[in-house]
Amino acid sequence: MPLIKVKTNIVDVQAPDTLLKKLSAALARATGKPESYVMTLLESGVPMTFAGSEESCAYVEIKSIGSLTPPAMSDQFCELIKSSLGIPKDRIYIGFDDVNASDWGWNGRTFG
């Protein structure tokens, strides 16, 4: 049920599979949820600006049914994206969404 989606204006992301696996493991650890439920998405080459500039930037969405700790997770995932993609932390926004179990579907049903 945890989901992390990264959108970036970087066109040619090197080793996207490696980044997705790092994000998956990190989100499982951060939420304490089994990695078998974690989904990761990467959208590269997205037309984006930040502070009026087209320099490298990213928007990240993290969703989960509970288990979100935005202050700690913000630094952790900004650092992971910085080290993987070279995007400065001050050019990354992260949106956190604590979803109700009844609003999260999987396998033909919802979690709540």
Protein backbone atom coordinates (compact mmCIF):
# COMPACT_ATOMS: atom_id res chain seq x y z
CA MET A 1 0.00 0.00 0.00
CA PRO A 2 2.85 2.49 0.35
CA LEU A 3 3.48 4.32 -2.91
CA ILE A 4 6.26 6.66 -3.97
CA LYS A 5 6.06 8.50 -7.27
CA VAL A 6 8.96 10.62 -8.51
CA LYS A 7 8.51 13.09 -11.35
CA THR A 8 11.58 14.87 -12.67
CA ASN A 9 12.58 16.99 -15.61
CA ILE A 10 15.77 14.96 -16.03
CA VAL A 11 15.42 13.33 -19.43
CA ASP A 12 17.98 10.54 -19.30
CA VAL A 13 17.84 9.00 -15.82
CA GLN A 14 20.76 6.61 -15.44
CA ALA A 15 19.88 3.18 -13.96
CA PRO A 16 16.18 3.85 -13.32
CA ASP A 17 15.65 0.27 -12.08
CA THR A 18 18.32 0.77 -9.42
CA LEU A 19 16.67 3.99 -8.25
CA LEU A 20 13.24 2.34 -8.09
CA LYS A 21 14.63 -0.54 -6.02
CA LYS A 22 16.34 1.89 -3.62
CA LEU A 23 13.10 3.85 -3.25
CA SER A 24 11.14 0.66 -2.63
CA ALA A 25 13.46 -0.62 0.09
CA ALA A 26 13.68 2.81 1.73
CA LEU A 27 9.89 3.27 1.77
CA ALA A 28 9.37 -0.18 3.27
CA ARG A 29 11.88 0.63 6.03
CA ALA A 30 10.45 4.10 6.64
CA THR A 31 6.86 2.87 6.97
CA GLY A 32 7.59 -0.50 8.58
CA LYS A 33 5.41 -2.15 5.93
CA PRO A 34 6.35 -5.19 3.86
CA GLU A 35 8.16 -4.32 0.65
CA SER A 36 5.82 -6.77 -1.11
CA TYR A 37 3.15 -4.02 -0.84
CA VAL A 38 5.34 -1.07 -1.95
CA MET A 39 4.88 0.45 -5.41
CA THR A 40 7.38 2.82 -7.02
CA LEU A 41 6.97 5.00 -10.10
CA LEU A 42 9.42 7.18 -11.96
CA GLU A 43 8.40 9.70 -14.60
CA SER A 44 11.41 11.32 -16.24
CA GLY A 45 11.58 14.02 -18.87
CA VAL A 46 8.53 15.78 -17.41
CA PRO A 47 8.34 19.43 -18.46
CA MET A 48 8.83 21.21 -15.11
CA THR A 49 10.17 24.38 -13.59
CA PHE A 50 11.04 25.24 -10.00
CA ALA A 51 11.55 28.84 -8.90
CA GLY A 52 11.17 29.91 -12.52
CA SER A 53 14.10 27.75 -13.62
CA GLU A 54 14.28 24.63 -15.79
CA GLU A 55 17.31 23.32 -13.87
CA SER A 56 16.96 19.79 -12.51
CA CYS A 57 14.09 19.42 -10.08
CA ALA A 58 11.68 16.76 -8.79
CA TYR A 59 8.22 16.38 -7.34
CA VAL A 60 7.67 13.35 -5.13
CA GLU A 61 4.40 11.88 -3.86
CA ILE A 62 4.44 9.49 -0.92
CA LYS A 63 1.17 7.81 0.01
CA SER A 64 0.42 5.20 2.63
CA ILE A 65 -2.25 3.98 4.98
CA GLY A 66 -0.72 5.42 8.13
CA SER A 67 2.96 5.08 9.05
CA LEU A 68 4.02 8.40 7.51
CA THR A 69 6.54 10.55 9.36
CA PRO A 70 6.95 13.56 7.05
CA PRO A 71 9.79 15.41 8.82
CA ALA A 72 12.11 12.38 8.94
CA MET A 73 10.98 11.00 5.59
CA SER A 74 11.43 14.34 3.83
CA ASP A 75 15.15 14.48 4.57
CA GLN A 76 15.63 10.77 3.91
CA PHE A 77 14.02 10.81 0.47
CA CYS A 78 15.50 14.16 -0.54
CA GLU A 79 18.93 12.74 0.26
CA LEU A 80 18.24 9.52 -1.69
CA ILE A 81 17.08 11.48 -4.74
CA LYS A 82 19.99 13.90 -4.46
CA SER A 83 22.53 11.06 -4.32
CA SER A 84 20.84 9.13 -7.15
CA LEU A 85 19.89 11.93 -9.54
CA GLY A 86 22.06 14.85 -8.46
CA ILE A 87 19.08 17.10 -7.79
CA PRO A 88 19.75 19.54 -4.95
CA LYS A 89 17.47 19.06 -1.95
CA ASP A 90 16.18 22.61 -2.29
CA ARG A 91 14.80 21.73 -5.74
CA ILE A 92 12.66 18.81 -4.52
CA TYR A 93 9.10 19.03 -3.26
CA ILE A 94 7.50 16.08 -1.47
CA GLY A 95 3.76 15.66 -0.94
CA PHE A 96 2.67 13.25 1.81
CA ASP A 97 -0.78 11.68 1.75
CA ASP A 98 -2.07 9.53 4.61
CA VAL A 99 -4.85 7.58 2.89
CA ASN A 100 -7.85 6.00 4.62
CA ALA A 101 -7.83 2.21 4.31
CA SER A 102 -11.29 2.33 2.73
CA ASP A 103 -9.94 4.64 0.00
CA TRP A 104 -7.07 2.36 -1.11
CA GLY A 105 -7.95 -0.46 -3.50
CA TRP A 106 -6.00 -3.60 -4.25
CA ASN A 107 -6.85 -7.06 -5.57
CA GLY A 108 -10.49 -6.22 -6.24
CA ARG A 109 -11.20 -4.80 -2.79
CA THR A 110 -10.07 -2.08 -0.41
CA PHE A 111 -7.86 -2.38 2.67
CA GLY A 112 -10.60 -1.14 5.00
